[in-house]
Amino acid sequence: MTQRSSNKSVTSPTSTAPLSGSRRQPADPPQKSRLRQNVESLLLAVLVALLVRASVVEAFWVPSGSMLPTIQIGDHLFVNKMAYGMHLPFVSQEITQWRPLHRSDIIVFTSPVDRRIDLIKRVIAVAGDTVEVRNKHLVINGQEVPDPHANFTDPHVRDTAPRDNFGPVTVPPGKFFVMGDNRDQSYDSRYWGFADERDVKGQATFIYWSWNSQTHWPRWDRFGQFLR
């Protein structure tokens, strides 16, 4: 007996080839809604702003008079956070340093007394310096030095506090010594000691806005002033 051959073609049950022999065009990807695009753009802008604020520049407002007359109450200023090194968000210290603190720099740093607040002062002495105040006069490493930024509102020398006579003390490694330009009314290193270099947030650069709360009017002449 002979077997009859079948004329039916056999197709694998797992085959996905189209029967017509043409290629199927890929489907277009779904389009994002306008709301989603706006939300993503907003989140990206916020992220960039946070990165800039954390590592490049930050705005500060000065509510006290410890730096008078250099910095007025109500001055708004920018702080260059890359003046001494590079910071990254959520990192407590610089990842690289390219310039040390210099005497006379105006800096913003975390208060060693109250970690919740930031202070703005002028650097008076850096690591290795011996600093002293004799009858309101500044002495660094045994020599009286020019102090052009100092402002005194009380002409009398008082011996009962470290305000007018202080030291000598030597600044240890990793620390610095600061004072406010308003020497008779500044709570600074004369009272609470040294600050830590790791707490420096940056160097105050220039004033972008200033508001006089007594006259309720801007101080137009201070806009754009660079701080020295």
N, C-alpha and C. Protein backbone atom coordinates (compact mmCIF):
# COMPACT_ATOMS: atom_id res chain seq x y z
N MET A 1 0.88 -1.19 0.00
CA MET A 1 0.00 0.00 0.00
C MET A 1 0.89 1.22 0.00
N THR A 2 0.57 2.14 -0.78
CA THR A 2 1.36 3.38 -0.84
C THR A 2 0.64 4.49 -0.10
N GLN A 3 1.49 5.39 0.59
CA GLN A 3 0.93 6.55 1.30
C GLN A 3 0.70 7.69 0.33
N ARG A 4 -0.47 8.28 0.53
CA ARG A 4 -0.80 9.45 -0.30
C ARG A 4 -0.13 10.67 0.29
N SER A 5 0.63 11.39 -0.51
CA SER A 5 1.29 12.60 -0.02
C SER A 5 0.30 13.72 0.06
N SER A 6 0.52 14.56 1.09
CA SER A 6 -0.37 15.70 1.31
C SER A 6 0.17 16.91 0.57
N ASN A 7 -0.72 17.68 -0.02
CA ASN A 7 -0.34 18.92 -0.68
C ASN A 7 -0.44 20.14 0.24
N LYS A 8 -0.82 19.89 1.53
CA LYS A 8 -0.95 21.02 2.46
C LYS A 8 0.43 21.44 2.94
N SER A 9 0.64 22.75 2.97
CA SER A 9 1.90 23.28 3.52
C SER A 9 1.81 23.30 5.03
N VAL A 10 2.95 23.14 5.70
CA VAL A 10 2.99 23.10 7.16
C VAL A 10 3.70 24.36 7.65
N THR A 11 3.06 25.04 8.60
CA THR A 11 3.63 26.25 9.20
C THR A 11 3.85 26.01 10.68
N SER A 12 5.02 26.36 11.16
CA SER A 12 5.33 26.18 12.58
C SER A 12 4.34 26.95 13.43
N PRO A 13 3.80 26.30 14.47
CA PRO A 13 2.83 26.99 15.31
C PRO A 13 3.42 28.19 16.06
N THR A 14 4.74 28.26 16.15
CA THR A 14 5.36 29.39 16.85
C THR A 14 5.77 30.51 15.92
N SER A 15 5.56 30.33 14.64
CA SER A 15 5.96 31.34 13.67
C SER A 15 5.08 32.57 13.78
N THR A 16 5.71 33.74 13.70
CA THR A 16 4.98 35.01 13.74
C THR A 16 5.07 35.74 12.42
N ALA A 17 5.54 35.06 11.38
CA ALA A 17 5.66 35.71 10.07
C ALA A 17 4.28 36.03 9.54
N PRO A 18 4.09 37.24 8.99
CA PRO A 18 2.77 37.60 8.45
C PRO A 18 2.44 36.77 7.23
N LEU A 19 1.20 36.41 7.15
CA LEU A 19 0.77 35.56 6.03
C LEU A 19 0.83 36.29 4.72
N SER A 20 0.68 37.59 4.75
CA SER A 20 0.65 38.34 3.50
C SER A 20 2.04 38.53 2.92
N GLY A 21 3.09 38.31 3.75
CA GLY A 21 4.45 38.48 3.27
C GLY A 21 4.96 39.90 3.42
N SER A 22 4.17 40.86 3.96
CA SER A 22 4.63 42.26 4.15
C SER A 22 5.11 42.45 5.58
N ARG A 23 5.97 43.48 5.82
CA ARG A 23 6.50 43.78 7.16
C ARG A 23 5.54 44.70 7.90
N ARG A 24 5.36 44.44 9.18
CA ARG A 24 4.49 45.28 10.02
C ARG A 24 5.27 46.49 10.51
N GLN A 25 4.73 47.66 10.35
CA GLN A 25 5.40 48.89 10.79
C GLN A 25 5.33 49.02 12.32
N PRO A 26 6.47 49.42 12.96
CA PRO A 26 6.43 49.57 14.43
C PRO A 26 5.47 50.68 14.83
N ALA A 27 4.83 50.50 15.96
CA ALA A 27 3.87 51.49 16.45
C ALA A 27 4.59 52.74 16.95
N ASP A 28 4.02 53.90 16.73
CA ASP A 28 4.60 55.15 17.23
C ASP A 28 4.58 55.15 18.75
N PRO A 29 5.68 55.63 19.39
CA PRO A 29 5.69 55.68 20.86
C PRO A 29 4.63 56.65 21.35
N PRO A 30 4.05 56.36 22.50
CA PRO A 30 3.01 57.25 23.02
C PRO A 30 3.57 58.64 23.32
N GLN A 31 2.84 59.66 23.00
CA GLN A 31 3.26 61.03 23.23
C GLN A 31 3.01 61.42 24.69
N LYS A 32 4.00 62.16 25.29
CA LYS A 32 3.82 62.66 26.65
C LYS A 32 2.76 63.76 26.67
N SER A 33 1.99 63.75 27.71
CA SER A 33 1.00 64.81 27.83
C SER A 33 1.69 66.13 28.13
N ARG A 34 1.05 67.22 27.80
CA ARG A 34 1.63 68.54 28.06
C ARG A 34 1.85 68.75 29.56
N LEU A 35 0.93 68.25 30.37
CA LEU A 35 1.08 68.39 31.82
C LEU A 35 2.33 67.68 32.31
N ARG A 36 2.56 66.47 31.80
CA ARG A 36 3.75 65.73 32.22
C ARG A 36 5.01 66.43 31.76
N GLN A 37 5.02 66.97 30.55
CA GLN A 37 6.19 67.71 30.06
C GLN A 37 6.48 68.91 30.95
N ASN A 38 5.43 69.64 31.33
CA ASN A 38 5.62 70.82 32.18
C ASN A 38 6.16 70.43 33.56
N VAL A 39 5.62 69.34 34.11
CA VAL A 39 6.08 68.89 35.43
C VAL A 39 7.54 68.48 35.37
N GLU A 40 7.93 67.74 34.33
CA GLU A 40 9.33 67.32 34.19
C GLU A 40 10.25 68.51 34.01
N SER A 41 9.83 69.50 33.23
CA SER A 41 10.65 70.71 33.03
C SER A 41 10.82 71.46 34.34
N LEU A 42 9.73 71.52 35.12
CA LEU A 42 9.80 72.22 36.41
C LEU A 42 10.73 71.50 37.37
N LEU A 43 10.63 70.19 37.42
CA LEU A 43 11.50 69.41 38.31
C LEU A 43 12.96 69.56 37.91
N LEU A 44 13.23 69.58 36.60
CA LEU A 44 14.61 69.76 36.13
C LEU A 44 15.14 71.14 36.52
N ALA A 45 14.29 72.16 36.37
CA ALA A 45 14.71 73.51 36.74
C ALA A 45 15.00 73.61 38.23
N VAL A 46 14.17 72.97 39.05
CA VAL A 46 14.39 72.98 40.50
C VAL A 46 15.69 72.26 40.84
N LEU A 47 15.95 71.13 40.19
CA LEU A 47 17.18 70.39 40.44
C LEU A 47 18.41 71.21 40.09
N VAL A 48 18.38 71.88 38.94
CA VAL A 48 19.50 72.73 38.53
C VAL A 48 19.70 73.87 39.53
N ALA A 49 18.59 74.48 39.97
CA ALA A 49 18.68 75.57 40.93
C ALA A 49 19.28 75.10 42.25
N LEU A 50 18.90 73.91 42.69
CA LEU A 50 19.45 73.38 43.94
C LEU A 50 20.94 73.08 43.80
N LEU A 51 21.34 72.56 42.66
CA LEU A 51 22.75 72.28 42.44
C LEU A 51 23.57 73.56 42.42
N VAL A 52 23.04 74.59 41.75
CA VAL A 52 23.73 75.88 41.70
C VAL A 52 23.83 76.47 43.10
N ARG A 53 22.73 76.42 43.84
CA ARG A 53 22.71 76.97 45.20
C ARG A 53 23.68 76.23 46.11
N ALA A 54 23.77 74.93 45.94
CA ALA A 54 24.61 74.13 46.83
C ALA A 54 26.09 74.23 46.50
N SER A 55 26.44 74.50 45.25
CA SER A 55 27.84 74.40 44.88
C SER A 55 28.43 75.64 44.20
N VAL A 56 27.61 76.59 43.77
CA VAL A 56 28.15 77.72 43.00
C VAL A 56 27.92 79.06 43.71
N VAL A 57 26.68 79.46 43.86
CA VAL A 57 26.39 80.76 44.45
C VAL A 57 25.11 80.67 45.27
N GLU A 58 25.05 81.47 46.34
CA GLU A 58 23.87 81.47 47.20
C GLU A 58 23.60 82.90 47.66
N ALA A 59 22.34 83.23 47.79
CA ALA A 59 21.94 84.56 48.23
C ALA A 59 21.72 84.57 49.74
N PHE A 60 22.16 85.63 50.40
CA PHE A 60 21.98 85.79 51.83
C PHE A 60 21.44 87.18 52.14
N TRP A 61 20.72 87.27 53.24
CA TRP A 61 20.20 88.55 53.74
C TRP A 61 20.85 88.82 55.08
N VAL A 62 21.28 90.06 55.32
CA VAL A 62 21.99 90.42 56.54
C VAL A 62 21.05 91.18 57.47
N PRO A 63 20.67 90.58 58.61
CA PRO A 63 19.73 91.24 59.52
C PRO A 63 20.36 91.99 60.68
N SER A 64 21.70 91.90 60.82
CA SER A 64 22.35 92.53 61.98
C SER A 64 23.42 93.52 61.54
N GLY A 65 23.93 94.27 62.51
CA GLY A 65 24.87 95.34 62.19
C GLY A 65 26.30 95.08 62.60
N SER A 66 26.71 93.82 62.73
CA SER A 66 28.07 93.53 63.18
C SER A 66 29.14 93.88 62.15
N MET A 67 28.71 94.08 60.88
CA MET A 67 29.68 94.41 59.84
C MET A 67 29.55 95.85 59.35
N LEU A 68 28.83 96.67 60.09
CA LEU A 68 28.72 98.09 59.73
C LEU A 68 30.10 98.75 59.76
N PRO A 69 30.37 99.70 58.89
CA PRO A 69 29.51 100.21 57.82
C PRO A 69 29.67 99.47 56.48
N THR A 70 30.57 98.47 56.45
CA THR A 70 30.82 97.76 55.19
C THR A 70 29.54 97.12 54.66
N ILE A 71 28.82 96.44 55.55
CA ILE A 71 27.56 95.79 55.20
C ILE A 71 26.46 96.37 56.08
N GLN A 72 25.43 96.89 55.45
CA GLN A 72 24.33 97.53 56.15
C GLN A 72 23.25 96.51 56.51
N ILE A 73 22.49 96.80 57.56
CA ILE A 73 21.34 95.97 57.90
C ILE A 73 20.34 96.06 56.74
N GLY A 74 19.94 94.90 56.23
CA GLY A 74 19.02 94.87 55.10
C GLY A 74 19.69 94.67 53.76
N ASP A 75 21.01 94.54 53.76
CA ASP A 75 21.71 94.22 52.51
C ASP A 75 21.43 92.77 52.12
N HIS A 76 21.23 92.56 50.82
CA HIS A 76 21.09 91.22 50.27
C HIS A 76 22.31 91.01 49.36
N LEU A 77 23.01 89.92 49.58
CA LEU A 77 24.27 89.74 48.86
C LEU A 77 24.42 88.32 48.35
N PHE A 78 25.29 88.18 47.35
CA PHE A 78 25.61 86.87 46.81
C PHE A 78 26.93 86.39 47.43
N VAL A 79 26.95 85.09 47.71
CA VAL A 79 28.14 84.45 48.26
C VAL A 79 28.67 83.45 47.23
N ASN A 80 29.92 83.62 46.88
CA ASN A 80 30.58 82.72 45.93
C ASN A 80 31.02 81.46 46.67
N LYS A 81 30.33 80.36 46.43
CA LYS A 81 30.61 79.12 47.14
C LYS A 81 31.77 78.35 46.53
N MET A 82 32.31 78.86 45.40
CA MET A 82 33.46 78.21 44.77
C MET A 82 34.73 79.03 44.94
N ALA A 83 34.69 80.02 45.85
CA ALA A 83 35.86 80.88 46.03
C ALA A 83 37.06 80.11 46.58
N TYR A 84 36.78 79.12 47.43
CA TYR A 84 37.87 78.39 48.08
C TYR A 84 37.95 76.93 47.65
N GLY A 85 36.90 76.42 47.06
CA GLY A 85 36.90 75.03 46.63
C GLY A 85 35.54 74.65 46.09
N MET A 86 35.39 73.40 45.75
CA MET A 86 34.14 72.91 45.16
C MET A 86 33.37 72.10 46.19
N HIS A 87 32.07 72.42 46.29
CA HIS A 87 31.18 71.70 47.18
C HIS A 87 30.19 70.89 46.34
N LEU A 88 29.70 69.82 46.92
CA LEU A 88 28.63 69.04 46.32
C LEU A 88 27.48 68.94 47.31
N PRO A 89 26.24 68.85 46.81
CA PRO A 89 25.10 68.72 47.71
C PRO A 89 25.24 67.50 48.62
N PHE A 90 24.84 67.67 49.88
CA PHE A 90 24.83 66.61 50.89
C PHE A 90 26.23 66.14 51.26
N VAL A 91 27.25 66.91 50.87
CA VAL A 91 28.63 66.61 51.29
C VAL A 91 29.06 67.70 52.24
N SER A 92 29.53 67.34 53.42
CA SER A 92 29.78 68.31 54.48
C SER A 92 31.04 69.12 54.26
N GLN A 93 31.93 68.70 53.39
CA GLN A 93 33.16 69.45 53.17
C GLN A 93 33.49 69.50 51.69
N GLU A 94 34.48 70.34 51.39
CA GLU A 94 34.88 70.51 49.99
C GLU A 94 35.49 69.23 49.45
N ILE A 95 35.22 68.97 48.17
CA ILE A 95 35.85 67.82 47.54
C ILE A 95 37.19 68.21 46.93
N THR A 96 37.41 69.51 46.77
CA THR A 96 38.71 69.99 46.32
C THR A 96 38.87 71.44 46.75
N GLN A 97 40.06 71.85 47.04
CA GLN A 97 40.34 73.22 47.48
C GLN A 97 41.41 73.81 46.59
N TRP A 98 41.17 75.03 46.08
CA TRP A 98 42.17 75.66 45.22
C TRP A 98 42.65 77.00 45.76
N ARG A 99 42.06 77.48 46.86
CA ARG A 99 42.57 78.72 47.46
C ARG A 99 42.29 78.70 48.95
N PRO A 100 43.29 79.01 49.78
CA PRO A 100 43.04 79.07 51.23
C PRO A 100 42.39 80.39 51.62
N LEU A 101 41.91 80.45 52.84
CA LEU A 101 41.40 81.71 53.37
C LEU A 101 42.53 82.73 53.46
N HIS A 102 42.18 83.98 53.18
CA HIS A 102 43.14 85.08 53.30
C HIS A 102 42.65 86.06 54.34
N ARG A 103 43.57 86.70 55.01
CA ARG A 103 43.20 87.79 55.91
C ARG A 103 42.43 88.86 55.14
N SER A 104 41.42 89.38 55.76
CA SER A 104 40.57 90.45 55.22
C SER A 104 39.43 89.93 54.34
N ASP A 105 39.39 88.65 54.04
CA ASP A 105 38.25 88.10 53.29
C ASP A 105 36.97 88.24 54.12
N ILE A 106 35.88 88.58 53.45
CA ILE A 106 34.57 88.57 54.11
C ILE A 106 33.91 87.24 53.74
N ILE A 107 33.59 86.45 54.76
CA ILE A 107 33.10 85.10 54.49
C ILE A 107 31.79 84.84 55.24
N VAL A 108 31.07 83.84 54.75
CA VAL A 108 29.89 83.31 55.42
C VAL A 108 30.22 81.90 55.88
N PHE A 109 29.90 81.60 57.14
CA PHE A 109 30.22 80.28 57.70
C PHE A 109 29.18 79.91 58.75
N THR A 110 29.13 78.64 59.06
CA THR A 110 28.20 78.15 60.09
C THR A 110 28.72 78.53 61.46
N SER A 111 27.85 79.07 62.28
CA SER A 111 28.24 79.51 63.62
C SER A 111 28.71 78.33 64.47
N PRO A 112 29.87 78.44 65.13
CA PRO A 112 30.31 77.37 66.01
C PRO A 112 29.52 77.34 67.32
N VAL A 113 28.77 78.40 67.59
CA VAL A 113 27.97 78.48 68.82
C VAL A 113 26.57 77.92 68.60
N ASP A 114 25.96 78.28 67.47
CA ASP A 114 24.62 77.81 67.13
C ASP A 114 24.65 77.29 65.69
N ARG A 115 24.64 75.99 65.52
CA ARG A 115 24.80 75.38 64.20
C ARG A 115 23.62 75.64 63.28
N ARG A 116 22.55 76.22 63.80
CA ARG A 116 21.37 76.49 62.98
C ARG A 116 21.48 77.77 62.19
N ILE A 117 22.47 78.61 62.50
CA ILE A 117 22.56 79.91 61.84
C ILE A 117 23.91 80.08 61.14
N ASP A 118 23.94 81.00 60.18
CA ASP A 118 25.17 81.36 59.47
C ASP A 118 25.60 82.76 59.91
N LEU A 119 26.90 82.97 59.92
CA LEU A 119 27.47 84.26 60.30
C LEU A 119 28.24 84.85 59.13
N ILE A 120 28.34 86.18 59.11
CA ILE A 120 29.19 86.85 58.13
C ILE A 120 30.17 87.73 58.89
N LYS A 121 31.44 87.50 58.70
CA LYS A 121 32.50 88.22 59.41
C LYS A 121 33.70 88.40 58.47
N ARG A 122 34.68 89.13 58.98
CA ARG A 122 35.93 89.32 58.23
C ARG A 122 37.03 88.46 58.85
N VAL A 123 37.78 87.78 57.99
CA VAL A 123 38.90 86.96 58.47
C VAL A 123 40.02 87.88 58.96
N ILE A 124 40.43 87.67 60.19
CA ILE A 124 41.48 88.49 60.80
C ILE A 124 42.81 87.73 60.84
N ALA A 125 42.74 86.43 61.12
CA ALA A 125 43.95 85.62 61.22
C ALA A 125 43.63 84.21 60.76
N VAL A 126 44.63 83.55 60.17
CA VAL A 126 44.47 82.19 59.66
C VAL A 126 45.40 81.26 60.43
N ALA A 127 45.35 79.98 60.10
CA ALA A 127 46.13 78.98 60.82
C ALA A 127 47.61 79.35 60.89
N GLY A 128 48.16 79.30 62.09
CA GLY A 128 49.57 79.64 62.31
C GLY A 128 49.81 81.06 62.76
N ASP A 129 48.83 81.94 62.55
CA ASP A 129 48.97 83.33 62.99
C ASP A 129 48.75 83.46 64.49
N THR A 130 49.46 84.40 65.09
CA THR A 130 49.20 84.78 66.48
C THR A 130 48.50 86.13 66.47
N VAL A 131 47.32 86.19 67.05
CA VAL A 131 46.50 87.39 67.00
C VAL A 131 46.31 87.97 68.40
N GLU A 132 46.28 89.29 68.43
CA GLU A 132 46.14 90.00 69.71
C GLU A 132 45.45 91.34 69.45
N VAL A 133 44.71 91.82 70.44
CA VAL A 133 44.12 93.16 70.39
C VAL A 133 44.64 93.92 71.59
N ARG A 134 45.30 95.06 71.33
CA ARG A 134 45.84 95.90 72.40
C ARG A 134 45.20 97.26 72.33
N ASN A 135 44.37 97.56 73.29
CA ASN A 135 43.70 98.87 73.33
C ASN A 135 43.05 99.22 71.99
N LYS A 136 42.31 98.26 71.45
CA LYS A 136 41.56 98.38 70.20
C LYS A 136 42.42 98.22 68.95
N HIS A 137 43.73 98.11 69.09
CA HIS A 137 44.62 97.98 67.94
C HIS A 137 44.91 96.51 67.65
N LEU A 138 44.91 96.17 66.39
CA LEU A 138 45.11 94.78 65.96
C LEU A 138 46.59 94.47 65.81
N VAL A 139 47.00 93.38 66.41
CA VAL A 139 48.40 92.93 66.37
C VAL A 139 48.42 91.50 65.83
N ILE A 140 49.17 91.29 64.74
CA ILE A 140 49.31 89.97 64.14
C ILE A 140 50.78 89.58 64.16
N ASN A 141 51.07 88.43 64.74
CA ASN A 141 52.45 87.91 64.83
C ASN A 141 53.40 88.93 65.44
N GLY A 142 52.91 89.61 66.47
CA GLY A 142 53.73 90.54 67.23
C GLY A 142 53.85 91.93 66.64
N GLN A 143 53.25 92.18 65.47
CA GLN A 143 53.35 93.48 64.82
C GLN A 143 51.96 94.12 64.68
N GLU A 144 51.85 95.38 65.06
CA GLU A 144 50.60 96.10 64.84
C GLU A 144 50.40 96.28 63.33
N VAL A 145 49.23 95.94 62.84
CA VAL A 145 48.98 95.94 61.40
C VAL A 145 47.88 96.94 61.06
N PRO A 146 47.89 97.46 59.83
CA PRO A 146 46.80 98.35 59.40
C PRO A 146 45.46 97.62 59.52
N ASP A 147 44.45 98.35 59.93
CA ASP A 147 43.12 97.77 60.12
C ASP A 147 42.07 98.73 59.55
N PRO A 148 42.10 98.96 58.23
CA PRO A 148 41.29 100.03 57.63
C PRO A 148 39.79 99.78 57.70
N HIS A 149 39.36 98.56 57.89
CA HIS A 149 37.94 98.25 57.88
C HIS A 149 37.30 98.38 59.27
N ALA A 150 38.13 98.51 60.31
CA ALA A 150 37.59 98.58 61.67
C ALA A 150 36.81 99.86 61.89
N ASN A 151 35.66 99.72 62.55
CA ASN A 151 34.82 100.87 62.89
C ASN A 151 34.52 100.82 64.39
N PHE A 152 34.79 101.94 65.07
CA PHE A 152 34.61 102.00 66.52
C PHE A 152 33.55 103.05 66.86
N THR A 153 32.54 102.62 67.61
CA THR A 153 31.48 103.53 68.04
C THR A 153 31.68 104.02 69.47
N ASP A 154 32.58 103.36 70.21
CA ASP A 154 32.88 103.76 71.59
C ASP A 154 34.36 104.10 71.67
N PRO A 155 34.70 105.35 71.94
CA PRO A 155 36.12 105.74 71.98
C PRO A 155 36.86 105.24 73.22
N HIS A 156 36.14 104.76 74.21
CA HIS A 156 36.76 104.34 75.47
C HIS A 156 37.25 102.90 75.38
N VAL A 157 38.39 102.66 76.02
CA VAL A 157 38.96 101.31 76.12
C VAL A 157 38.46 100.67 77.40
N ARG A 158 37.85 99.50 77.27
CA ARG A 158 37.29 98.80 78.42
C ARG A 158 38.12 97.54 78.68
N ASP A 159 38.47 97.36 79.96
CA ASP A 159 39.30 96.23 80.35
C ASP A 159 38.49 95.05 80.87
N THR A 160 37.19 95.21 81.00
CA THR A 160 36.38 94.18 81.62
C THR A 160 35.93 93.09 80.64
N ALA A 161 36.18 93.27 79.39
CA ALA A 161 35.75 92.30 78.38
C ALA A 161 36.83 92.13 77.33
N PRO A 162 36.78 91.09 76.52
CA PRO A 162 37.81 90.90 75.49
C PRO A 162 37.63 91.82 74.29
N ARG A 163 36.69 92.73 74.36
CA ARG A 163 36.41 93.58 73.21
C ARG A 163 37.62 94.41 72.80
N ASP A 164 38.29 95.06 73.75
CA ASP A 164 39.36 96.01 73.43
C ASP A 164 40.76 95.48 73.72
N ASN A 165 40.85 94.45 74.53
CA ASN A 165 42.13 93.82 74.83
C ASN A 165 41.92 92.31 74.85
N PHE A 166 42.68 91.64 73.99
CA PHE A 166 42.46 90.21 73.82
C PHE A 166 43.77 89.53 73.43
N GLY A 167 43.96 88.30 73.93
CA GLY A 167 45.10 87.49 73.51
C GLY A 167 46.39 87.85 74.20
N PRO A 168 47.50 87.40 73.61
CA PRO A 168 47.63 86.75 72.29
C PRO A 168 47.24 85.26 72.30
N VAL A 169 46.71 84.82 71.14
CA VAL A 169 46.41 83.40 70.93
C VAL A 169 46.89 83.02 69.53
N THR A 170 47.26 81.77 69.36
CA THR A 170 47.73 81.28 68.06
C THR A 170 46.64 80.42 67.44
N VAL A 171 46.35 80.69 66.17
CA VAL A 171 45.29 79.97 65.47
C VAL A 171 45.78 78.56 65.12
N PRO A 172 45.08 77.53 65.57
CA PRO A 172 45.52 76.15 65.27
C PRO A 172 45.23 75.75 63.83
N PRO A 173 45.81 74.65 63.37
CA PRO A 173 45.56 74.17 62.00
C PRO A 173 44.06 73.89 61.77
N GLY A 174 43.59 74.24 60.58
CA GLY A 174 42.20 74.00 60.23
C GLY A 174 41.22 74.99 60.81
N LYS A 175 41.71 76.03 61.47
CA LYS A 175 40.84 77.02 62.09
C LYS A 175 41.13 78.41 61.54
N PHE A 176 40.29 79.37 61.91
CA PHE A 176 40.54 80.78 61.57
C PHE A 176 39.89 81.66 62.62
N PHE A 177 40.30 82.93 62.63
CA PHE A 177 39.86 83.91 63.62
C PHE A 177 39.17 85.05 62.89
N VAL A 178 37.97 85.42 63.32
CA VAL A 178 37.20 86.46 62.65
C VAL A 178 36.76 87.55 63.62
N MET A 179 36.51 88.73 63.05
CA MET A 179 35.87 89.82 63.80
C MET A 179 34.95 90.57 62.85
N GLY A 180 33.95 91.22 63.42
CA GLY A 180 33.09 92.09 62.64
C GLY A 180 33.74 93.44 62.47
N ASP A 181 33.43 94.14 61.36
CA ASP A 181 33.99 95.48 61.15
C ASP A 181 33.48 96.46 62.20
N ASN A 182 32.30 96.24 62.72
CA ASN A 182 31.73 97.06 63.79
C ASN A 182 32.28 96.52 65.11
N ARG A 183 33.54 96.83 65.38
CA ARG A 183 34.30 96.16 66.42
C ARG A 183 33.69 96.26 67.82
N ASP A 184 33.07 97.37 68.14
CA ASP A 184 32.52 97.54 69.48
C ASP A 184 31.18 96.83 69.67
N GLN A 185 30.59 96.34 68.58
CA GLN A 185 29.28 95.70 68.67
C GLN A 185 29.23 94.44 67.81
N SER A 186 30.24 93.61 67.96
CA SER A 186 30.30 92.37 67.20
C SER A 186 30.63 91.21 68.12
N TYR A 187 29.79 90.18 68.06
CA TYR A 187 30.01 88.95 68.81
C TYR A 187 30.79 88.00 67.91
N ASP A 188 32.09 87.85 68.17
CA ASP A 188 32.96 87.14 67.24
C ASP A 188 33.99 86.30 67.96
N SER A 189 35.11 86.03 67.28
CA SER A 189 36.12 85.12 67.83
C SER A 189 36.73 85.60 69.14
N ARG A 190 36.63 86.88 69.43
CA ARG A 190 37.12 87.36 70.72
C ARG A 190 36.33 86.76 71.88
N TYR A 191 35.09 86.37 71.60
CA TYR A 191 34.20 85.86 72.64
C TYR A 191 34.04 84.34 72.59
N TRP A 192 33.92 83.76 71.39
CA TRP A 192 33.66 82.33 71.31
C TRP A 192 34.80 81.51 70.69
N GLY A 193 35.91 82.15 70.35
CA GLY A 193 37.07 81.39 69.89
C GLY A 193 37.17 81.23 68.38
N PHE A 194 37.79 80.16 67.96
CA PHE A 194 38.08 79.94 66.54
C PHE A 194 36.90 79.28 65.83
N ALA A 195 36.87 79.49 64.52
CA ALA A 195 35.90 78.80 63.66
C ALA A 195 36.65 77.76 62.82
N ASP A 196 35.89 76.80 62.31
CA ASP A 196 36.47 75.68 61.57
C ASP A 196 36.41 75.95 60.07
N GLU A 197 37.50 75.69 59.37
CA GLU A 197 37.55 75.90 57.92
C GLU A 197 36.50 75.07 57.19
N ARG A 198 36.12 73.92 57.74
CA ARG A 198 35.12 73.06 57.10
C ARG A 198 33.72 73.68 57.12
N ASP A 199 33.53 74.70 57.95
CA ASP A 199 32.22 75.33 58.08
C ASP A 199 32.05 76.54 57.15
N VAL A 200 33.08 76.86 56.38
CA VAL A 200 33.01 78.01 55.47
C VAL A 200 32.07 77.69 54.31
N LYS A 201 31.11 78.57 54.06
CA LYS A 201 30.17 78.38 52.95
C LYS A 201 30.60 79.13 51.70
N GLY A 202 31.39 80.19 51.86
CA GLY A 202 31.86 80.91 50.70
C GLY A 202 32.26 82.33 51.04
N GLN A 203 32.66 83.06 50.00
CA GLN A 203 33.10 84.44 50.16
C GLN A 203 32.02 85.39 49.67
N ALA A 204 31.69 86.37 50.51
CA ALA A 204 30.71 87.37 50.11
C ALA A 204 31.28 88.22 48.99
N THR A 205 30.52 88.38 47.90
CA THR A 205 31.07 89.04 46.72
C THR A 205 30.46 90.42 46.47
N PHE A 206 29.14 90.50 46.24
CA PHE A 206 28.57 91.81 45.97
C PHE A 206 27.11 91.88 46.41
N ILE A 207 26.64 93.11 46.54
CA ILE A 207 25.28 93.38 47.01
C ILE A 207 24.37 93.50 45.79
N TYR A 208 23.29 92.73 45.77
CA TYR A 208 22.36 92.81 44.64
C TYR A 208 21.07 93.53 45.00
N TRP A 209 20.85 93.75 46.30
CA TRP A 209 19.64 94.45 46.74
C TRP A 209 19.86 94.95 48.15
N SER A 210 19.32 96.11 48.50
CA SER A 210 19.46 96.64 49.85
C SER A 210 18.19 97.40 50.21
N TRP A 211 17.65 97.08 51.37
CA TRP A 211 16.40 97.69 51.81
C TRP A 211 16.59 98.35 53.17
N ASN A 212 16.24 99.64 53.25
CA ASN A 212 16.33 100.38 54.50
C ASN A 212 14.98 100.28 55.20
N SER A 213 14.95 99.52 56.29
CA SER A 213 13.68 99.30 57.00
C SER A 213 13.21 100.55 57.75
N GLN A 214 14.10 101.50 57.97
CA GLN A 214 13.70 102.72 58.67
C GLN A 214 13.00 103.70 57.73
N THR A 215 13.51 103.82 56.52
CA THR A 215 12.90 104.74 55.55
C THR A 215 11.91 104.01 54.64
N HIS A 216 11.91 102.66 54.72
CA HIS A 216 11.05 101.83 53.86
C HIS A 216 11.30 102.15 52.38
N TRP A 217 12.58 102.18 52.07
CA TRP A 217 12.97 102.54 50.70
C TRP A 217 14.28 101.83 50.35
N PRO A 218 14.46 101.43 49.11
CA PRO A 218 15.73 100.78 48.72
C PRO A 218 16.90 101.74 48.81
N ARG A 219 18.07 101.19 49.09
CA ARG A 219 19.31 101.96 49.03
C ARG A 219 19.89 101.77 47.62
N TRP A 220 19.46 102.63 46.71
CA TRP A 220 19.84 102.46 45.31
C TRP A 220 21.34 102.50 45.10
N ASP A 221 22.04 103.29 45.90
CA ASP A 221 23.48 103.46 45.69
C ASP A 221 24.29 102.21 46.06
N ARG A 222 23.65 101.24 46.73
CA ARG A 222 24.38 100.05 47.13
C ARG A 222 24.22 98.90 46.15
N PHE A 223 23.31 99.03 45.19
CA PHE A 223 23.08 97.95 44.24
C PHE A 223 24.34 97.70 43.40
N GLY A 224 24.76 96.44 43.36
CA GLY A 224 25.91 96.07 42.54
C GLY A 224 27.26 96.38 43.17
N GLN A 225 27.29 96.81 44.43
CA GLN A 225 28.57 97.10 45.09
C GLN A 225 29.31 95.81 45.39
N PHE A 226 30.60 95.78 45.05
CA PHE A 226 31.44 94.65 45.40
C PHE A 226 31.99 94.86 46.81
N LEU A 227 32.09 93.78 47.55
CA LEU A 227 32.52 93.85 48.94
C LEU A 227 34.02 93.63 49.05
N ARG A 228 34.65 94.47 49.84
CA ARG A 228 36.11 94.37 50.06
C ARG A 228 36.41 94.54 51.53
